[in-house]
């Protein structure tokens, strides 16, 4: 006789294999679900943080004029604006460094106007040294909202860089003409007379890579100074040996410029980039209120 058992006896500690597999699968599925949830939230947080970091890297958005054109002066090129440009870009400004060739006043104004036009909107126009002569004329462009002079020639009608220099002579005697109608600074005097407060190696490289200025650029007379009609700002370099600080103060005063003074050599924008950038940003904010 055969007895068919219809009941199952479960012994403590024993689970059928099929049940064990199902339990393990459910546990693994739970862990996977939890991992996906954590990954999802980590991705959300990372995206938010990334956006915040990108916004911080881009810098704040200026409330006034957002474009700045920087114009170098004689014996230099646009690379000297590097530190100022970096500060301005970090603060949210769009910067263009014009490269007038110093071959003639007309060429220099033309190249500067091209840089202004390329910005496609209102700009703050900044000039150093002879660059001040350039912006005094180029600043009449309708897109120029304000002018900033950094130890620069803010020339009046009928004046030239040469006439300002001879009226109250600068300390340097190292400016010399060549047979091609260009002017240079004697290399052995360049650091002391032009760039006394920047690192010696940097001043030496400027001396051996200097851009000569044409006699035409140096002697050309301004006909329509823009500072008479535009908000104007001026940085006086009190230890300047290339433009007499007395003349800088005179030009700033008659232009009714907001003026700051730093104890700097002629390259004040290089030795005091933070102060130069601060004045430019002040001009940008002020120009917004004057439009």
Protein backbone atom coordinates (compact mmCIF):
# COMPACT_ATOMS: atom_id res chain seq x y z
CA UNK A 1 0.00 0.00 0.00
CA UNK A 2 1.25 3.37 -0.87
CA UNK A 3 0.66 6.35 1.42
CA UNK A 4 0.60 9.75 -0.25
CA UNK A 5 1.66 12.50 2.09
CA UNK A 6 -0.40 15.63 1.60
CA UNK A 7 1.33 17.85 4.09
CA UNK A 8 4.69 19.52 4.15
CA UNK A 9 6.73 19.82 7.28
CA UNK A 10 9.00 22.89 7.37
CA UNK A 11 12.03 22.38 9.47
CA UNK A 12 13.36 25.47 11.28
CA UNK A 13 16.33 26.99 9.40
CA UNK A 14 15.42 25.53 6.09
CA UNK A 15 14.05 27.60 3.16
CA UNK A 16 13.34 26.06 -0.20
CA UNK A 17 15.79 27.13 -2.90
CA UNK A 18 13.11 28.88 -4.96
CA UNK A 19 12.11 31.07 -2.03
CA UNK A 20 15.72 31.91 -1.25
CA UNK A 21 16.32 33.04 -4.83
CA UNK A 22 13.19 35.19 -4.79
CA UNK A 23 14.26 36.86 -1.55
CA UNK A 24 17.73 37.56 -2.84
CA UNK A 25 16.31 39.04 -6.03
CA UNK A 26 13.98 41.31 -4.08
CA UNK A 27 16.84 42.46 -1.85
CA UNK A 28 19.07 43.17 -4.85
CA UNK A 29 16.24 45.05 -6.56
CA UNK A 30 15.77 47.22 -3.46
CA UNK A 31 19.49 48.02 -3.32
CA UNK A 32 19.45 48.91 -7.04
CA UNK A 33 16.43 51.17 -6.58
CA UNK A 34 18.09 52.96 -3.64
CA UNK A 35 21.30 53.37 -5.64
CA UNK A 36 19.41 54.86 -8.59
CA UNK A 37 17.62 57.29 -6.30
CA UNK A 38 20.91 58.38 -4.72
CA UNK A 39 22.53 58.73 -8.16
CA UNK A 40 19.60 60.83 -9.35
CA UNK A 41 19.84 63.27 -6.44
CA UNK A 42 23.62 63.45 -6.68
CA UNK A 43 23.26 64.37 -10.36
CA UNK A 44 20.70 67.06 -9.52
CA UNK A 45 22.93 68.58 -6.83
CA UNK A 46 25.99 68.43 -9.10
CA UNK A 47 24.10 70.18 -11.89
CA UNK A 48 22.98 72.94 -9.55
CA UNK A 49 26.46 73.37 -8.13
CA UNK A 50 27.97 73.34 -11.62
CA UNK A 51 25.63 76.09 -12.72
CA UNK A 52 26.53 78.17 -9.70
CA UNK A 53 30.25 77.66 -10.31
CA UNK A 54 29.91 78.57 -13.98
CA UNK A 55 28.02 81.72 -13.05
CA UNK A 56 30.72 82.63 -10.54
CA UNK A 57 33.47 81.98 -13.09
CA UNK A 58 31.74 84.20 -15.60
CA UNK A 59 31.75 87.04 -13.09
CA UNK A 60 28.98 89.43 -12.10
CA UNK A 61 26.96 91.21 -14.72
CA UNK A 62 27.82 94.95 -14.74
CA UNK A 63 24.90 97.30 -14.23
CA UNK A 64 26.24 100.02 -16.55
CA UNK A 65 28.24 99.96 -19.76
CA UNK A 66 29.51 96.43 -20.35
CA UNK A 67 32.12 97.04 -23.08
CA UNK A 68 35.62 98.46 -22.61
CA UNK A 69 38.16 99.35 -25.31
CA UNK A 70 41.76 99.78 -24.08
CA UNK A 71 44.22 101.85 -26.16
CA UNK A 72 47.99 101.69 -25.59
CA UNK A 73 50.33 104.63 -25.89
CA UNK A 74 53.69 105.31 -27.50
CA UNK A 75 56.63 102.91 -27.15
CA UNK A 76 54.28 100.14 -25.99
CA UNK A 77 51.70 97.72 -27.38
CA UNK A 78 48.43 96.29 -26.16
CA UNK A 79 50.00 93.50 -24.09
CA UNK A 80 50.63 95.94 -21.26
CA UNK A 81 46.88 95.94 -20.57
CA UNK A 82 46.92 92.24 -19.67
CA UNK A 83 46.39 92.60 -15.91
CA UNK A 84 43.71 95.28 -16.28
CA UNK A 85 41.87 93.25 -18.94
CA UNK A 86 41.83 90.15 -16.74
CA UNK A 87 40.31 92.09 -13.83
CA UNK A 88 37.65 93.62 -16.07
CA UNK A 89 36.76 90.27 -17.64
CA UNK A 90 36.52 88.64 -14.22
CA UNK A 91 34.11 91.40 -13.23
CA UNK A 92 31.88 90.67 -16.20
CA UNK A 93 33.05 93.19 -18.81
CA UNK A 94 33.71 92.52 -22.48
CA UNK A 95 37.17 93.88 -23.31
CA UNK A 96 38.88 94.77 -26.58
CA UNK A 97 42.52 95.83 -26.71
CA UNK A 98 43.08 98.11 -29.70
CA UNK A 99 46.43 97.98 -31.48
CA UNK A 100 47.07 101.35 -33.15
CA UNK A 101 50.36 101.07 -35.08
CA UNK A 102 51.69 104.54 -34.17
CA UNK A 103 52.58 105.12 -37.82
CA UNK A 104 50.41 108.24 -38.15
CA UNK A 105 47.70 109.93 -36.13
CA UNK A 106 45.09 109.16 -38.80
CA UNK A 107 46.01 105.45 -38.79
CA UNK A 108 45.91 105.29 -35.00
CA UNK A 109 42.46 106.88 -34.82
CA UNK A 110 41.24 104.58 -37.61
CA UNK A 111 42.36 101.40 -35.83
CA UNK A 112 40.83 102.58 -32.57
CA UNK A 113 37.49 103.39 -34.22
CA UNK A 114 37.51 99.92 -35.76
CA UNK A 115 37.87 98.39 -32.30
CA UNK A 116 35.00 100.56 -31.02
CA UNK A 117 32.72 99.61 -33.90
CA UNK A 118 33.49 95.92 -33.47
CA UNK A 119 32.02 95.99 -29.94
CA UNK A 120 28.56 96.60 -31.37
CA UNK A 121 27.33 98.87 -28.59
CA UNK A 122 28.23 101.51 -26.00
CA UNK A 123 31.82 101.40 -24.73
CA UNK A 124 34.10 103.00 -22.19
CA UNK A 125 37.17 104.15 -24.12
CA UNK A 126 40.45 104.10 -22.20
CA UNK A 127 43.77 105.58 -23.31
CA UNK A 128 47.26 105.54 -21.82
CA UNK A 129 49.89 108.17 -22.63
CA UNK A 130 49.72 108.95 -26.39
CA UNK A 131 46.60 106.79 -26.38
CA UNK A 132 44.94 109.75 -24.67
CA UNK A 133 45.52 111.83 -27.79
CA UNK A 134 43.92 109.07 -29.85
CA UNK A 135 40.81 108.72 -27.68
CA UNK A 136 40.38 112.50 -27.56
CA UNK A 137 39.44 112.32 -31.26
CA UNK A 138 38.16 108.74 -31.59
CA UNK A 139 35.99 109.34 -28.52
CA UNK A 140 33.58 111.37 -30.65
CA UNK A 141 32.21 108.06 -31.95
CA UNK A 142 28.54 107.80 -30.99
CA UNK A 143 29.17 104.46 -29.22
CA UNK A 144 31.66 105.99 -26.78
CA UNK A 145 29.85 106.62 -23.51
CA UNK A 146 32.80 107.69 -21.34
CA UNK A 147 36.53 108.40 -21.53
CA UNK A 148 39.26 107.28 -19.14
CA UNK A 149 42.77 108.75 -19.32
CA UNK A 150 45.60 106.86 -17.58
CA UNK A 151 48.64 109.19 -17.32
CA UNK A 152 47.57 110.36 -20.75
CA UNK A 153 47.33 113.34 -23.07
CA UNK A 154 43.83 114.81 -22.73
CA UNK A 155 44.50 117.34 -25.47
CA UNK A 156 42.51 120.47 -26.17
CA UNK A 157 41.77 121.84 -29.62
CA UNK A 158 45.00 122.81 -31.40
CA UNK A 159 47.26 120.92 -28.96
CA UNK A 160 49.57 118.00 -29.67
CA UNK A 161 51.58 115.67 -27.46
CA UNK A 162 54.66 117.67 -28.44
CA UNK A 163 53.15 121.00 -27.35
CA UNK A 164 52.22 119.61 -23.92
CA UNK A 165 55.67 118.10 -23.46
CA UNK A 166 57.48 121.32 -24.31
CA UNK A 167 55.23 123.60 -22.25
CA UNK A 168 56.28 121.90 -19.00
CA UNK A 169 59.07 119.44 -19.90
CA UNK A 170 59.07 115.91 -18.58
CA UNK A 171 61.94 114.63 -16.46
CA UNK A 172 63.25 112.23 -19.09
CA UNK A 173 65.81 113.30 -21.67
CA UNK A 174 65.93 109.85 -23.29
CA UNK A 175 63.43 110.44 -26.13
CA UNK A 176 65.37 110.44 -29.39
CA UNK A 177 64.36 110.65 -33.09
CA UNK A 178 65.82 108.45 -35.80
CA UNK A 179 66.39 109.11 -39.51
CA UNK A 180 63.03 107.53 -40.43
CA UNK A 181 60.84 110.05 -38.65
CA UNK A 182 60.24 107.87 -35.59
CA UNK A 183 60.90 108.47 -31.91
CA UNK A 184 62.38 105.98 -29.43
CA UNK A 185 63.37 105.84 -25.76
CA UNK A 186 67.03 104.98 -25.27
CA UNK A 187 67.04 101.43 -23.94
CA UNK A 188 69.44 102.10 -21.09
CA UNK A 189 67.05 104.73 -19.69
CA UNK A 190 63.77 103.00 -20.49
CA UNK A 191 63.15 101.45 -17.06
CA UNK A 192 63.96 104.57 -15.04
CA UNK A 193 62.11 107.01 -17.27
CA UNK A 194 59.14 104.95 -18.41
CA UNK A 195 58.55 101.86 -16.25
CA UNK A 196 60.34 102.30 -12.94
CA UNK A 197 57.82 100.46 -10.75
CA UNK A 198 57.33 97.17 -12.60
CA UNK A 199 59.69 94.15 -12.41
CA UNK A 200 63.07 94.86 -13.98
CA UNK A 201 62.83 91.94 -16.40
CA UNK A 202 59.46 93.16 -17.64
CA UNK A 203 60.76 96.70 -18.10
CA UNK A 204 63.80 95.36 -19.97
CA UNK A 205 61.60 93.41 -22.38
CA UNK A 206 59.46 96.48 -22.98
CA UNK A 207 62.64 98.41 -23.79
CA UNK A 208 63.85 95.93 -26.39
CA UNK A 209 60.37 95.44 -27.91
CA UNK A 210 59.24 99.07 -27.84
CA UNK A 211 57.05 100.38 -30.64
CA UNK A 212 58.43 103.70 -31.93
CA UNK A 213 56.02 106.58 -32.46
CA UNK A 214 55.99 108.55 -35.69
CA UNK A 215 56.66 112.26 -35.68
CA UNK A 216 53.23 112.76 -37.25
CA UNK A 217 51.53 110.98 -34.33
CA UNK A 218 53.53 112.98 -31.79
CA UNK A 219 52.96 116.38 -33.36
CA UNK A 220 49.42 116.04 -34.77
CA UNK A 221 46.97 118.59 -33.35
CA UNK A 222 43.61 117.51 -32.00
CA UNK A 223 40.69 119.34 -33.62
CA UNK A 224 37.62 118.16 -31.69
CA UNK A 225 38.35 116.87 -28.16
CA UNK A 226 35.66 114.40 -27.09
CA UNK A 227 36.17 115.05 -23.37
CA UNK A 228 34.26 118.31 -23.79
CA UNK A 229 31.09 116.29 -24.41
CA UNK A 230 31.63 112.94 -22.65
CA UNK A 231 31.95 111.92 -18.98
CA UNK A 232 35.69 111.87 -18.31
CA UNK A 233 37.94 110.17 -15.74
CA UNK A 234 41.66 110.62 -15.19
CA UNK A 235 44.44 108.77 -13.32
CA UNK A 236 47.46 110.96 -12.49
CA UNK A 237 50.80 109.17 -12.04
CA UNK A 238 52.60 111.32 -9.49
CA UNK A 239 56.08 109.87 -10.21
CA UNK A 240 55.76 110.05 -13.99
CA UNK A 241 58.99 110.98 -15.81
CA UNK A 242 57.48 110.78 -19.31
CA UNK A 243 54.59 113.23 -18.92
CA UNK A 244 55.04 115.88 -16.26
CA UNK A 245 52.53 115.15 -13.44
CA UNK A 246 51.86 118.89 -13.29
CA UNK A 247 50.56 118.70 -16.86
CA UNK A 248 48.51 115.61 -16.08
CA UNK A 249 46.75 117.43 -13.25
CA UNK A 250 46.16 120.43 -15.49
CA UNK A 251 44.61 118.31 -18.25
CA UNK A 252 42.44 116.40 -15.78
CA UNK A 253 41.17 119.62 -14.19
CA UNK A 254 40.22 121.40 -17.41
CA UNK A 255 38.45 118.24 -18.64
CA UNK A 256 36.41 118.34 -15.44
CA UNK A 257 37.47 114.74 -14.95
CA UNK A 258 36.84 112.56 -11.92
CA UNK A 259 40.48 112.27 -10.88
CA UNK A 260 42.48 109.80 -8.82
CA UNK A 261 46.21 109.96 -8.18
CA UNK A 262 48.61 107.09 -7.63
CA UNK A 263 52.31 107.11 -6.78
CA UNK A 264 53.36 105.45 -10.01
CA UNK A 265 55.69 105.68 -12.97
CA UNK A 266 54.35 106.38 -16.45
CA UNK A 267 53.00 102.80 -16.77
CA UNK A 268 50.52 103.28 -13.92
CA UNK A 269 48.08 100.88 -15.56
CA UNK A 270 50.70 98.10 -15.26
CA UNK A 271 51.99 98.83 -11.76
CA UNK A 272 48.52 99.66 -10.38
CA UNK A 273 46.11 97.50 -12.40
CA UNK A 274 43.52 97.22 -9.62
CA UNK A 275 43.26 100.99 -9.27
CA UNK A 276 43.09 101.43 -13.04
CA UNK A 277 40.38 98.80 -13.37
CA UNK A 278 38.43 100.35 -10.50
CA UNK A 279 38.43 103.75 -12.23
CA UNK A 280 37.33 102.18 -15.52
CA UNK A 281 34.49 100.34 -13.80
CA UNK A 282 33.43 103.56 -12.08
CA UNK A 283 33.32 105.23 -15.49
CA UNK A 284 31.21 102.37 -16.84
CA UNK A 285 28.70 102.65 -14.01
CA UNK A 286 28.59 106.44 -14.22
CA UNK A 287 28.13 106.43 -17.98
CA UNK A 288 25.00 104.33 -17.55
CA UNK A 289 23.42 107.05 -15.43
CA UNK A 290 24.42 109.75 -17.91
CA UNK A 291 22.80 108.18 -20.96
